Amino acid sequence: MRKRIATTALATTLISLILSAPALADGFGKGGGAGEGLAGETNDKAVTFFCLGVLLFFVSVVVVGTIIQSSLEKRKNARKAAKLRQRVGW
């Protein structure tokens, strides 16, 4: 059991280091980039619009999910009502 945990911890650490190597390669500790990312220099406007986009994405996911769920609930209730109507009678 301890060997499995140790192996998992070692593998996780190595994978994390391998995946972080490109990010650390560009002058880590030397002020490399100075806040400049792939889309250019980061400023308040860019951060605000990015956060607004994330917010709108999650709101739209919730709205679309709610619409889908309500339509599926209507179908389920209609199916249950039809099954109940079939049982009633002689």
N, C-alpha and C. Protein backbone atom coordinates (compact mmCIF):
# COMPACT_ATOMS: atom_id res chain seq x y z
N MET A 1 0.82 -1.19 0.00
CA MET A 1 0.00 0.00 0.00
C MET A 1 0.86 1.25 0.00
N ARG A 2 1.91 1.27 0.84
CA ARG A 2 2.79 2.44 0.91
C ARG A 2 3.54 2.64 -0.40
N LYS A 3 3.89 1.52 -1.04
CA LYS A 3 4.62 1.62 -2.31
C LYS A 3 3.74 2.26 -3.38
N ARG A 4 2.46 1.91 -3.38
CA ARG A 4 1.54 2.49 -4.36
C ARG A 4 1.39 3.99 -4.15
N ILE A 5 1.27 4.41 -2.89
CA ILE A 5 1.14 5.83 -2.58
C ILE A 5 2.41 6.58 -2.97
N ALA A 6 3.56 6.00 -2.65
CA ALA A 6 4.83 6.64 -2.98
C ALA A 6 5.00 6.75 -4.50
N THR A 7 4.64 5.70 -5.22
CA THR A 7 4.74 5.71 -6.68
C THR A 7 3.81 6.76 -7.28
N THR A 8 2.60 6.84 -6.76
CA THR A 8 1.64 7.83 -7.24
C THR A 8 2.13 9.24 -6.96
N ALA A 9 2.66 9.48 -5.78
CA ALA A 9 3.17 10.81 -5.43
C ALA A 9 4.35 11.19 -6.32
N LEU A 10 5.25 10.25 -6.57
CA LEU A 10 6.39 10.51 -7.44
C LEU A 10 5.95 10.79 -8.86
N ALA A 11 5.03 9.99 -9.37
CA ALA A 11 4.54 10.18 -10.73
C ALA A 11 3.84 11.53 -10.87
N THR A 12 3.04 11.90 -9.89
CA THR A 12 2.34 13.18 -9.92
C THR A 12 3.32 14.34 -9.90
N THR A 13 4.34 14.24 -9.07
CA THR A 13 5.36 15.30 -9.00
C THR A 13 6.11 15.43 -10.31
N LEU A 14 6.50 14.32 -10.89
CA LEU A 14 7.23 14.37 -12.16
C LEU A 14 6.38 14.92 -13.29
N ILE A 15 5.14 14.50 -13.37
CA ILE A 15 4.25 15.02 -14.41
C ILE A 15 4.04 16.52 -14.23
N SER A 16 3.88 16.98 -12.99
CA SER A 16 3.70 18.41 -12.73
C SER A 16 4.93 19.21 -13.15
N LEU A 17 6.11 18.68 -12.85
CA LEU A 17 7.33 19.38 -13.24
C LEU A 17 7.51 19.41 -14.76
N ILE A 18 7.17 18.31 -15.42
CA ILE A 18 7.29 18.26 -16.88
C ILE A 18 6.32 19.24 -17.53
N LEU A 19 5.10 19.31 -17.02
CA LEU A 19 4.11 20.21 -17.60
C LEU A 19 4.40 21.68 -17.28
N SER A 20 5.09 21.95 -16.19
CA SER A 20 5.38 23.34 -15.84
C SER A 20 6.67 23.85 -16.45
N ALA A 21 7.46 22.96 -17.06
CA ALA A 21 8.75 23.36 -17.62
C ALA A 21 8.63 24.49 -18.66
N PRO A 22 7.70 24.44 -19.61
CA PRO A 22 7.61 25.56 -20.57
C PRO A 22 7.29 26.90 -19.91
N ALA A 23 6.48 26.87 -18.87
CA ALA A 23 6.13 28.12 -18.20
C ALA A 23 7.31 28.68 -17.43
N LEU A 24 8.12 27.79 -16.87
CA LEU A 24 9.26 28.23 -16.08
C LEU A 24 10.48 28.55 -16.94
N ALA A 25 10.49 28.14 -18.19
CA ALA A 25 11.66 28.29 -19.03
C ALA A 25 11.91 29.74 -19.44
N ASP A 26 10.89 30.56 -19.49
CA ASP A 26 11.04 31.93 -19.98
C ASP A 26 11.48 32.87 -18.87
N GLY A 27 12.68 32.72 -18.41
CA GLY A 27 13.28 33.67 -17.47
C GLY A 27 12.60 33.72 -16.13
N PHE A 28 12.40 32.60 -15.51
CA PHE A 28 11.78 32.57 -14.19
C PHE A 28 12.69 33.28 -13.19
N GLY A 29 12.15 34.25 -12.49
CA GLY A 29 12.92 34.97 -11.48
C GLY A 29 13.67 36.17 -12.03
N LYS A 30 13.67 36.35 -13.33
CA LYS A 30 14.38 37.49 -13.92
C LYS A 30 13.42 38.56 -14.41
N GLY A 31 12.17 38.46 -14.00
CA GLY A 31 11.19 39.44 -14.46
C GLY A 31 10.83 39.22 -15.91
N GLY A 32 10.98 38.02 -16.38
CA GLY A 32 10.71 37.71 -17.78
C GLY A 32 9.26 37.89 -18.13
N GLY A 33 9.01 38.73 -19.12
CA GLY A 33 7.65 38.96 -19.57
C GLY A 33 7.03 40.20 -18.97
N ALA A 34 7.24 40.44 -17.73
CA ALA A 34 6.71 41.61 -17.02
C ALA A 34 5.21 41.76 -17.23
N GLY A 35 4.47 40.67 -17.04
CA GLY A 35 3.01 40.73 -17.15
C GLY A 35 2.50 40.61 -18.56
N GLU A 36 3.35 40.23 -19.49
CA GLU A 36 2.92 40.12 -20.87
C GLU A 36 2.65 38.66 -21.20
N GLY A 37 1.45 38.38 -21.65
CA GLY A 37 1.06 37.02 -21.96
C GLY A 37 1.00 36.81 -23.46
N LEU A 38 0.28 35.79 -23.86
CA LEU A 38 0.16 35.46 -25.28
C LEU A 38 -0.58 36.54 -26.06
N ALA A 39 -1.52 37.21 -25.40
CA ALA A 39 -2.32 38.23 -26.07
C ALA A 39 -1.74 39.63 -25.87
N GLY A 40 -0.55 39.74 -25.39
CA GLY A 40 0.06 41.04 -25.18
C GLY A 40 0.08 41.42 -23.71
N GLU A 41 0.32 42.69 -23.47
CA GLU A 41 0.40 43.17 -22.10
C GLU A 41 -0.96 43.10 -21.43
N THR A 42 -0.98 42.65 -20.18
CA THR A 42 -2.22 42.52 -19.44
C THR A 42 -2.52 43.85 -18.76
N ASN A 43 -3.73 44.35 -19.01
CA ASN A 43 -4.16 45.57 -18.35
C ASN A 43 -5.55 45.35 -17.76
N ASP A 44 -6.08 46.35 -17.10
CA ASP A 44 -7.37 46.20 -16.43
C ASP A 44 -8.50 45.91 -17.40
N LYS A 45 -8.46 46.52 -18.57
CA LYS A 45 -9.52 46.32 -19.56
C LYS A 45 -9.54 44.86 -20.04
N ALA A 46 -8.39 44.30 -20.31
CA ALA A 46 -8.32 42.92 -20.78
C ALA A 46 -8.81 41.95 -19.71
N VAL A 47 -8.41 42.19 -18.48
CA VAL A 47 -8.84 41.32 -17.38
C VAL A 47 -10.34 41.43 -17.17
N THR A 48 -10.87 42.66 -17.24
CA THR A 48 -12.30 42.86 -17.05
C THR A 48 -13.10 42.14 -18.12
N PHE A 49 -12.70 42.28 -19.38
CA PHE A 49 -13.44 41.63 -20.46
C PHE A 49 -13.30 40.12 -20.40
N PHE A 50 -12.15 39.61 -20.00
CA PHE A 50 -11.99 38.17 -19.86
C PHE A 50 -12.90 37.64 -18.76
N CYS A 51 -12.93 38.30 -17.62
CA CYS A 51 -13.79 37.86 -16.51
C CYS A 51 -15.26 37.98 -16.88
N LEU A 52 -15.62 39.01 -17.63
CA LEU A 52 -17.00 39.14 -18.10
C LEU A 52 -17.36 37.99 -19.03
N GLY A 53 -16.44 37.61 -19.89
CA GLY A 53 -16.68 36.48 -20.79
C GLY A 53 -16.86 35.19 -20.03
N VAL A 54 -16.04 34.97 -19.00
CA VAL A 54 -16.18 33.76 -18.17
C VAL A 54 -17.54 33.77 -17.48
N LEU A 55 -17.93 34.91 -16.95
CA LEU A 55 -19.22 35.02 -16.26
C LEU A 55 -20.37 34.74 -17.22
N LEU A 56 -20.34 35.32 -18.41
CA LEU A 56 -21.40 35.10 -19.39
C LEU A 56 -21.44 33.65 -19.85
N PHE A 57 -20.28 33.02 -19.97
CA PHE A 57 -20.24 31.61 -20.36
C PHE A 57 -20.96 30.76 -19.34
N PHE A 58 -20.66 30.94 -18.06
CA PHE A 58 -21.28 30.09 -17.05
C PHE A 58 -22.76 30.40 -16.88
N VAL A 59 -23.15 31.66 -17.03
CA VAL A 59 -24.58 31.99 -16.97
C VAL A 59 -25.31 31.33 -18.13
N SER A 60 -24.73 31.36 -19.32
CA SER A 60 -25.37 30.73 -20.47
C SER A 60 -25.44 29.21 -20.31
N VAL A 61 -24.41 28.61 -19.72
CA VAL A 61 -24.44 27.16 -19.47
C VAL A 61 -25.58 26.82 -18.52
N VAL A 62 -25.78 27.61 -17.49
CA VAL A 62 -26.86 27.36 -16.53
C VAL A 62 -28.22 27.53 -17.20
N VAL A 63 -28.38 28.58 -18.01
CA VAL A 63 -29.66 28.82 -18.67
C VAL A 63 -29.98 27.71 -19.66
N VAL A 64 -29.02 27.33 -20.48
CA VAL A 64 -29.25 26.28 -21.47
C VAL A 64 -29.52 24.95 -20.76
N GLY A 65 -28.78 24.66 -19.71
CA GLY A 65 -29.02 23.44 -18.95
C GLY A 65 -30.40 23.40 -18.34
N THR A 66 -30.87 24.54 -17.83
CA THR A 66 -32.21 24.61 -17.25
C THR A 66 -33.28 24.38 -18.30
N ILE A 67 -33.09 24.96 -19.47
CA ILE A 67 -34.06 24.78 -20.56
C ILE A 67 -34.11 23.31 -20.98
N ILE A 68 -32.96 22.69 -21.12
CA ILE A 68 -32.92 21.28 -21.51
C ILE A 68 -33.57 20.40 -20.44
N GLN A 69 -33.25 20.69 -19.18
CA GLN A 69 -33.82 19.88 -18.10
C GLN A 69 -35.33 20.03 -18.03
N SER A 70 -35.84 21.24 -18.20
CA SER A 70 -37.29 21.42 -18.13
C SER A 70 -37.99 20.73 -19.29
N SER A 71 -37.40 20.74 -20.48
CA SER A 71 -38.03 20.04 -21.59
C SER A 71 -38.01 18.53 -21.37
N LEU A 72 -36.94 18.01 -20.80
CA LEU A 72 -36.89 16.59 -20.50
C LEU A 72 -37.89 16.21 -19.40
N GLU A 73 -38.06 17.09 -18.42
CA GLU A 73 -39.05 16.84 -17.36
C GLU A 73 -40.47 16.82 -17.94
N LYS A 74 -40.75 17.72 -18.89
CA LYS A 74 -42.08 17.73 -19.52
C LYS A 74 -42.32 16.43 -20.27
N ARG A 75 -41.31 15.95 -20.98
CA ARG A 75 -41.44 14.69 -21.71
C ARG A 75 -41.67 13.53 -20.75
N LYS A 76 -40.95 13.53 -19.64
CA LYS A 76 -41.10 12.46 -18.66
C LYS A 76 -42.50 12.48 -18.05
N ASN A 77 -42.98 13.68 -17.71
CA ASN A 77 -44.32 13.78 -17.13
C ASN A 77 -45.39 13.38 -18.13
N ALA A 78 -45.22 13.73 -19.40
CA ALA A 78 -46.19 13.33 -20.43
C ALA A 78 -46.20 11.82 -20.59
N ARG A 79 -45.02 11.19 -20.56
CA ARG A 79 -44.93 9.74 -20.67
C ARG A 79 -45.59 9.05 -19.48
N LYS A 80 -45.36 9.60 -18.28
CA LYS A 80 -45.98 9.02 -17.09
C LYS A 80 -47.51 9.16 -17.15
N ALA A 81 -47.99 10.31 -17.63
CA ALA A 81 -49.43 10.53 -17.72
C ALA A 81 -50.06 9.59 -18.75
N ALA A 82 -49.37 9.36 -19.87
CA ALA A 82 -49.90 8.44 -20.88
C ALA A 82 -49.95 7.02 -20.34
N LYS A 83 -48.92 6.63 -19.60
CA LYS A 83 -48.90 5.29 -19.00
C LYS A 83 -50.02 5.15 -17.98
N LEU A 84 -50.28 6.20 -17.21
CA LEU A 84 -51.34 6.16 -16.21
C LEU A 84 -52.71 6.10 -16.88
N ARG A 85 -52.90 6.80 -17.99
CA ARG A 85 -54.17 6.76 -18.72
C ARG A 85 -54.42 5.37 -19.29
N GLN A 86 -53.38 4.67 -19.68
CA GLN A 86 -53.56 3.33 -20.21
C GLN A 86 -54.01 2.36 -19.13
N ARG A 87 -53.56 2.53 -17.92
CA ARG A 87 -53.91 1.61 -16.84
C ARG A 87 -55.35 1.77 -16.39
N VAL A 88 -55.89 2.97 -16.50
CA VAL A 88 -57.24 3.23 -16.02
C VAL A 88 -58.23 2.67 -17.03
N GLY A 89 -59.26 2.03 -16.55
CA GLY A 89 -60.30 1.51 -17.45
C GLY A 89 -60.62 0.07 -17.11
N TRP A 90 -61.32 -0.55 -18.01
CA TRP A 90 -61.75 -1.93 -17.80
C TRP A 90 -60.64 -2.79 -18.15
